[in-house]
């Protein structure tokens, strides 16, 4: 619907190499939990506009962030 949008994180994990790539589509940054503990700041990245924006508000392209 043209008047709706949402925030979220889109992630891709390469299970062979362990490389994680993500796009943060609106704050707050995603949370990484390992061994039942939150890893503070592990997935900090600049927020980008929410998903579903159209026209001049829509981003031309999304930048992904990588963590090895």
PDB file of N, CA and C in Angstrom:
ATOM      1  N   UNK A   1       0.845  -1.173   0.000  1.00  0.00           N
ATOM      2  CA  UNK A   1       0.000   0.000   0.000  1.00  0.00           C
ATOM      3  C   UNK A   1       0.889   1.235   0.000  1.00  0.00           C
ATOM      4  N   UNK A   2       0.568   2.224  -0.793  1.00  0.00           N
ATOM      5  CA  UNK A   2       1.472   3.369  -0.952  1.00  0.00           C
ATOM      6  C   UNK A   2       1.660   4.223   0.287  1.00  0.00           C
ATOM      7  N   UNK A   3       0.742   4.166   1.249  1.00  0.00           N
ATOM      8  CA  UNK A   3       0.900   5.016   2.427  1.00  0.00           C
ATOM      9  C   UNK A   3       1.397   4.244   3.647  1.00  0.00           C
ATOM     10  N   UNK A   4       2.011   3.085   3.413  1.00  0.00           N
ATOM     11  CA  UNK A   4       2.526   2.271   4.515  1.00  0.00           C
ATOM     12  C   UNK A   4       4.016   1.990   4.318  1.00  0.00           C
ATOM     13  N   UNK A   5       4.717   1.842   5.419  1.00  0.00           N
ATOM     14  CA  UNK A   5       6.123   1.461   5.388  1.00  0.00           C
ATOM     15  C   UNK A   5       6.432   0.705   6.677  1.00  0.00           C
ATOM     16  N   UNK A   6       7.596   0.083   6.736  1.00  0.00           N
ATOM     17  CA  UNK A   6       7.998  -0.609   7.959  1.00  0.00           C
ATOM     18  C   UNK A   6       9.509  -0.501   8.139  1.00  0.00           C
ATOM     19  N   UNK A   7       9.939  -0.678   9.372  1.00  0.00           N
ATOM     20  CA  UNK A   7      11.363  -0.727   9.666  1.00  0.00           C
ATOM     21  C   UNK A   7      11.755  -2.185   9.859  1.00  0.00           C
ATOM     22  N   UNK A   8      13.028  -2.470   9.714  1.00  0.00           N
ATOM     23  CA  UNK A   8      13.494  -3.839   9.908  1.00  0.00           C
ATOM     24  C   UNK A   8      14.933  -3.977   9.464  1.00  0.00           C
ATOM     25  N   UNK A   9      15.443  -5.168   9.627  1.00  0.00           N
ATOM     26  CA  UNK A   9      16.802  -5.483   9.187  1.00  0.00           C
ATOM     27  C   UNK A   9      16.715  -6.650   8.210  1.00  0.00           C
ATOM     28  N   UNK A  10      17.381  -6.516   7.093  1.00  0.00           N
ATOM     29  CA  UNK A  10      17.477  -7.584   6.110  1.00  0.00           C
ATOM     30  C   UNK A  10      18.888  -8.154   6.223  1.00  0.00           C
ATOM     31  N   UNK A  11      19.001  -9.452   6.460  1.00  0.00           N
ATOM     32  CA  UNK A  11      20.306 -10.068   6.729  1.00  0.00           C
ATOM     33  C   UNK A  11      20.554 -11.245   5.813  1.00  0.00           C
ATOM     34  N   UNK A  12      21.831 -11.489   5.539  1.00  0.00           N
ATOM     35  CA  UNK A  12      22.258 -12.668   4.786  1.00  0.00           C
ATOM     36  C   UNK A  12      23.503 -13.225   5.471  1.00  0.00           C
ATOM     37  N   UNK A  13      23.443 -14.485   5.873  1.00  0.00           N
ATOM     38  CA  UNK A  13      24.572 -15.151   6.523  1.00  0.00           C
ATOM     39  C   UNK A  13      25.108 -16.229   5.604  1.00  0.00           C
ATOM     40  N   UNK A  14      26.404 -16.169   5.295  1.00  0.00           N
ATOM     41  CA  UNK A  14      27.066 -17.240   4.548  1.00  0.00           C
ATOM     42  C   UNK A  14      27.527 -18.260   5.582  1.00  0.00           C
ATOM     43  N   UNK A  15      26.857 -19.385   5.653  1.00  0.00           N
ATOM     44  CA  UNK A  15      27.143 -20.396   6.679  1.00  0.00           C
ATOM     45  C   UNK A  15      28.520 -21.025   6.504  1.00  0.00           C
ATOM     46  N   UNK A  16      29.087 -20.982   5.309  1.00  0.00           N
ATOM     47  CA  UNK A  16      30.408 -21.566   5.074  1.00  0.00           C
ATOM     48  C   UNK A  16      31.511 -20.642   5.579  1.00  0.00           C
ATOM     49  N   UNK A  17      31.418 -19.350   5.234  1.00  0.00           N
ATOM     50  CA  UNK A  17      32.486 -18.410   5.603  1.00  0.00           C
ATOM     51  C   UNK A  17      32.203 -17.689   6.921  1.00  0.00           C
ATOM     52  N   UNK A  18      30.946 -17.675   7.347  1.00  0.00           N
ATOM     53  CA  UNK A  18      30.580 -16.956   8.564  1.00  0.00           C
ATOM     54  C   UNK A  18      30.381 -15.472   8.359  1.00  0.00           C
ATOM     55  N   UNK A  19      30.416 -15.007   7.113  1.00  0.00           N
ATOM     56  CA  UNK A  19      30.243 -13.587   6.821  1.00  0.00           C
ATOM     57  C   UNK A  19      28.756 -13.238   6.895  1.00  0.00           C
ATOM     58  N   UNK A  20      28.449 -12.176   7.644  1.00  0.00           N
ATOM     59  CA  UNK A  20      27.090 -11.674   7.777  1.00  0.00           C
ATOM     60  C   UNK A  20      27.021 -10.319   7.104  1.00  0.00           C
ATOM     61  N   UNK A  21      26.015 -10.144   6.252  1.00  0.00           N
ATOM     62  CA  UNK A  21      25.749  -8.851   5.620  1.00  0.00           C
ATOM     63  C   UNK A  21      24.349  -8.438   6.006  1.00  0.00           C
ATOM     64  N   UNK A  22      24.158  -7.147   6.272  1.00  0.00           N
ATOM     65  CA  UNK A  22      22.828  -6.687   6.636  1.00  0.00           C
ATOM     66  C   UNK A  22      22.606  -5.251   6.202  1.00  0.00           C
ATOM     67  N   UNK A  23      21.332  -4.913   6.107  1.00  0.00           N
ATOM     68  CA  UNK A  23      20.882  -3.550   5.842  1.00  0.00           C
ATOM     69  C   UNK A  23      19.936  -3.180   6.972  1.00  0.00           C
ATOM     70  N   UNK A  24      20.225  -2.085   7.642  1.00  0.00           N
ATOM     71  CA  UNK A  24      19.379  -1.599   8.732  1.00  0.00           C
ATOM     72  C   UNK A  24      18.409  -0.572   8.153  1.00  0.00           C
ATOM     73  N   UNK A  25      17.161  -0.977   7.974  1.00  0.00           N
ATOM     74  CA  UNK A  25      16.144  -0.098   7.378  1.00  0.00           C
ATOM     75  C   UNK A  25      15.323   0.566   8.471  1.00  0.00           C
ATOM     76  N   UNK A  26      15.960   1.467   9.183  1.00  0.00           N
ATOM     77  CA  UNK A  26      15.310   2.186  10.273  1.00  0.00           C
ATOM     78  C   UNK A  26      15.863   1.763  11.616  1.00  0.00           C
ATOM     79  N   UNK A  27      15.948   2.703  12.557  1.00  0.00           N
ATOM     80  CA  UNK A  27      16.500   2.390  13.872  1.00  0.00           C
ATOM     81  C   UNK A  27      15.557   1.502  14.661  1.00  0.00           C
ATOM     82  N   UNK A  28      15.979   0.866  15.706  1.00  0.00           N
ATOM     83  CA  UNK A  28      17.343   0.776  16.239  1.00  0.00           C
ATOM     84  C   UNK A  28      18.150  -0.272  15.476  1.00  0.00           C
ATOM     85  N   UNK A  29      19.471  -0.333  15.725  1.00  0.00           N
ATOM     86  CA  UNK A  29      20.281  -1.342  15.047  1.00  0.00           C
ATOM     87  C   UNK A  29      19.885  -2.752  15.487  1.00  0.00           C
ATOM     88  N   UNK A  30      20.127  -3.743  14.625  1.00  0.00           N
ATOM     89  CA  UNK A  30      19.827  -5.130  14.996  1.00  0.00           C
ATOM     90  C   UNK A  30      20.622  -5.559  16.229  1.00  0.00           C
ATOM     91  N   UNK A  31      20.133  -6.568  16.915  1.00  0.00           N
ATOM     92  CA  UNK A  31      20.795  -7.106  18.107  1.00  0.00           C
ATOM     93  C   UNK A  31      21.396  -8.460  17.782  1.00  0.00           C
ATOM     94  N   UNK A  32      22.670  -8.658  18.103  1.00  0.00           N
ATOM     95  CA  UNK A  32      23.343  -9.942  17.926  1.00  0.00           C
ATOM     96  C   UNK A  32      23.416 -10.628  19.280  1.00  0.00           C
ATOM     97  N   UNK A  33      22.934 -11.854  19.324  1.00  0.00           N
ATOM     98  CA  UNK A  33      22.979 -12.648  20.554  1.00  0.00           C
ATOM     99  C   UNK A  33      23.811 -13.892  20.280  1.00  0.00           C
ATOM    100  N   UNK A  34      24.830 -14.105  21.088  1.00  0.00           N
ATOM    101  CA  UNK A  34      25.693 -15.291  20.983  1.00  0.00           C
ATOM    102  C   UNK A  34      25.838 -15.894  22.359  1.00  0.00           C
ATOM    103  N   UNK A  35      25.711 -17.212  22.434  1.00  0.00           N
ATOM    104  CA  UNK A  35      25.848 -17.928  23.705  1.00  0.00           C
ATOM    105  C   UNK A  35      24.965 -17.299  24.782  1.00  0.00           C
ATOM    106  N   UNK A  36      23.742 -16.970  24.413  1.00  0.00           N
ATOM    107  CA  UNK A  36      22.741 -16.405  25.315  1.00  0.00           C
ATOM    108  C   UNK A  36      23.129 -15.040  25.881  1.00  0.00           C
ATOM    109  N   UNK A  37      24.001 -14.318  25.183  1.00  0.00           N
ATOM    110  CA  UNK A  37      24.418 -12.979  25.605  1.00  0.00           C
ATOM    111  C   UNK A  37      24.294 -12.012  24.446  1.00  0.00           C
ATOM    112  N   UNK A  38      23.881 -10.800  24.765  1.00  0.00           N
ATOM    113  CA  UNK A  38      23.824  -9.742  23.763  1.00  0.00           C
ATOM    114  C   UNK A  38      25.237  -9.210  23.542  1.00  0.00           C
ATOM    115  N   UNK A  39      25.661  -9.134  22.290  1.00  0.00           N
ATOM    116  CA  UNK A  39      26.968  -8.585  21.933  1.00  0.00           C
ATOM    117  C   UNK A  39      26.749  -7.107  21.595  1.00  0.00           C
ATOM    118  N   UNK A  40      27.051  -6.243  22.571  1.00  0.00           N
ATOM    119  CA  UNK A  40      26.791  -4.806  22.419  1.00  0.00           C
ATOM    120  C   UNK A  40      27.529  -4.215  21.222  1.00  0.00           C
ATOM    121  N   UNK A  41      26.777  -3.481  20.397  1.00  0.00           N
ATOM    122  CA  UNK A  41      27.373  -2.743  19.287  1.00  0.00           C
ATOM    123  C   UNK A  41      27.844  -3.578  18.121  1.00  0.00           C
ATOM    124  N   UNK A  42      27.647  -4.881  18.145  1.00  0.00           N
ATOM    125  CA  UNK A  42      28.183  -5.754  17.099  1.00  0.00           C
ATOM    126  C   UNK A  42      27.599  -5.460  15.724  1.00  0.00           C
ATOM    127  N   UNK A  43      26.347  -5.039  15.684  1.00  0.00           N
ATOM    128  CA  UNK A  43      25.697  -4.794  14.393  1.00  0.00           C
ATOM    129  C   UNK A  43      25.331  -3.326  14.197  1.00  0.00           C
ATOM    130  N   UNK A  44      26.075  -2.447  14.862  1.00  0.00           N
ATOM    131  CA  UNK A  44      25.847  -1.020  14.659  1.00  0.00           C
ATOM    132  C   UNK A  44      26.153  -0.656  13.212  1.00  0.00           C
ATOM    133  N   UNK A  45      25.287   0.113  12.629  1.00  0.00           N
ATOM    134  CA  UNK A  45      25.474   0.598  11.265  1.00  0.00           C
ATOM    135  C   UNK A  45      24.571   1.806  11.080  1.00  0.00           C
ATOM    136  N   UNK A  46      24.900   2.651  10.114  1.00  0.00           N
ATOM    137  CA  UNK A  46      24.044   3.817   9.903  1.00  0.00           C
ATOM    138  C   UNK A  46      22.645   3.367   9.471  1.00  0.00           C
ATOM    139  N   UNK A  47      21.600   3.900  10.096  1.00  0.00           N
ATOM    140  CA  UNK A  47      20.255   3.525   9.662  1.00  0.00           C
ATOM    141  C   UNK A  47      19.956   4.087   8.280  1.00  0.00           C
ATOM    142  N   UNK A  48      19.121   3.374   7.562  1.00  0.00           N
ATOM    143  CA  UNK A  48      18.676   3.812   6.248  1.00  0.00           C
ATOM    144  C   UNK A  48      17.160   3.971   6.291  1.00  0.00           C
ATOM    145  N   UNK A  49      16.588   4.595   5.280  1.00  0.00           N
ATOM    146  CA  UNK A  49      15.137   4.815   5.305  1.00  0.00           C
ATOM    147  C   UNK A  49      14.362   3.500   5.429  1.00  0.00           C
ATOM    148  N   UNK A  50      13.168   3.563   6.010  1.00  0.00           N
ATOM    149  CA  UNK A  50      12.339   2.367   6.139  1.00  0.00           C
ATOM    150  C   UNK A  50      11.999   1.733   4.787  1.00  0.00           C
ATOM    151  N   UNK A  51      11.558   0.504   4.832  1.00  0.00           N
ATOM    152  CA  UNK A  51      11.151  -0.251   3.645  1.00  0.00           C
ATOM    153  C   UNK A  51       9.755   0.231   3.228  1.00  0.00           C
ATOM    154  N   UNK A  52       9.560   0.422   1.931  1.00  0.00           N
ATOM    155  CA  UNK A  52       8.243   0.755   1.415  1.00  0.00           C
ATOM    156  C   UNK A  52       8.029   2.216   1.091  1.00  0.00           C
ATOM    157  N   UNK A  53       9.030   3.062   1.299  1.00  0.00           N
ATOM    158  CA  UNK A  53       8.877   4.467   0.938  1.00  0.00           C
ATOM    159  C   UNK A  53       8.901   4.605  -0.582  1.00  0.00           C
ATOM    160  N   UNK A  54       8.144   5.539  -1.090  1.00  0.00           N
ATOM    161  CA  UNK A  54       8.074   5.735  -2.546  1.00  0.00           C
ATOM    162  C   UNK A  54       8.427   7.169  -2.889  1.00  0.00           C
ATOM    163  N   UNK A  55       8.650   7.405  -4.161  1.00  0.00           N
ATOM    164  CA  UNK A  55       8.933   8.744  -4.656  1.00  0.00           C
ATOM    165  C   UNK A  55      10.259   9.278  -4.157  1.00  0.00           C
ATOM    166  N   UNK A  56      10.272  10.549  -3.801  1.00  0.00           N
ATOM    167  CA  UNK A  56      11.511  11.210  -3.382  1.00  0.00           C
ATOM    168  C   UNK A  56      12.037  10.696  -2.052  1.00  0.00           C
ATOM    169  N   UNK A  57      11.194  10.065  -1.251  1.00  0.00           N
ATOM    170  CA  UNK A  57      11.634   9.535   0.037  1.00  0.00           C
ATOM    171  C   UNK A  57      12.347   8.199  -0.098  1.00  0.00           C
ATOM    172  N   UNK A  58      12.141   7.505  -1.208  1.00  0.00           N
ATOM    173  CA  UNK A  58      12.741   6.183  -1.404  1.00  0.00           C
ATOM    174  C   UNK A  58      14.240   6.322  -1.696  1.00  0.00           C
ATOM    175  N   UNK A  59      15.057   5.463  -1.094  1.00  0.00           N
ATOM    176  CA  UNK A  59      16.491   5.516  -1.381  1.00  0.00           C
ATOM    177  C   UNK A  59      16.770   4.987  -2.790  1.00  0.00           C
ATOM    178  N   UNK A  60      17.756   5.579  -3.463  1.00  0.00           N
ATOM    179  CA  UNK A  60      18.135   5.113  -4.797  1.00  0.00           C
ATOM    180  C   UNK A  60      18.733   3.717  -4.715  1.00  0.00           C
ATOM    181  N   UNK A  61      19.479   3.456  -3.665  1.00  0.00           N
ATOM    182  CA  UNK A  61      20.109   2.144  -3.453  1.00  0.00           C
ATOM    183  C   UNK A  61      20.314   1.956  -1.953  1.00  0.00           C
ATOM    184  N   UNK A  62      20.444   0.723  -1.539  1.00  0.00           N
ATOM    185  CA  UNK A  62      20.711   0.400  -0.134  1.00  0.00           C
ATOM    186  C   UNK A  62      22.175   0.014   0.005  1.00  0.00           C
ATOM    187  N   UNK A  63      22.781   0.387   1.135  1.00  0.00           N
ATOM    188  CA  UNK A  63      24.164  -0.011   1.443  1.00  0.00           C
ATOM    189  C   UNK A  63      24.115  -1.121   2.475  1.00  0.00           C
ATOM    190  N   UNK A  64      24.843  -2.177   2.207  1.00  0.00           N
ATOM    191  CA  UNK A  64      24.904  -3.249   3.200  1.00  0.00           C
ATOM    192  C   UNK A  64      26.166  -3.083   4.046  1.00  0.00           C
ATOM    193  N   UNK A  65      26.112  -3.615   5.248  1.00  0.00           N
ATOM    194  CA  UNK A  65      27.253  -3.629   6.165  1.00  0.00           C
ATOM    195  C   UNK A  65      27.699  -5.060   6.311  1.00  0.00           C
ATOM    196  N   UNK A  66      28.980  -5.288   6.515  1.00  0.00           N
ATOM    197  CA  UNK A  66      29.520  -6.643   6.572  1.00  0.00           C
ATOM    198  C   UNK A  66      30.260  -6.859   7.881  1.00  0.00           C
ATOM    199  N   UNK A  67      30.116  -8.072   8.408  1.00  0.00           N
ATOM    200  CA  UNK A  67      30.866  -8.472   9.607  1.00  0.00           C
ATOM    201  C   UNK A  67      31.410  -9.874   9.361  1.00  0.00           C
ATOM    202  N   UNK A  68      32.721 -10.032   9.525  1.00  0.00           N
ATOM    203  CA  UNK A  68      33.365 -11.333   9.323  1.00  0.00           C
ATOM    204  C   UNK A  68      33.410 -12.109  10.606  1.00  0.00           C
TER     205      UNK A  68
END
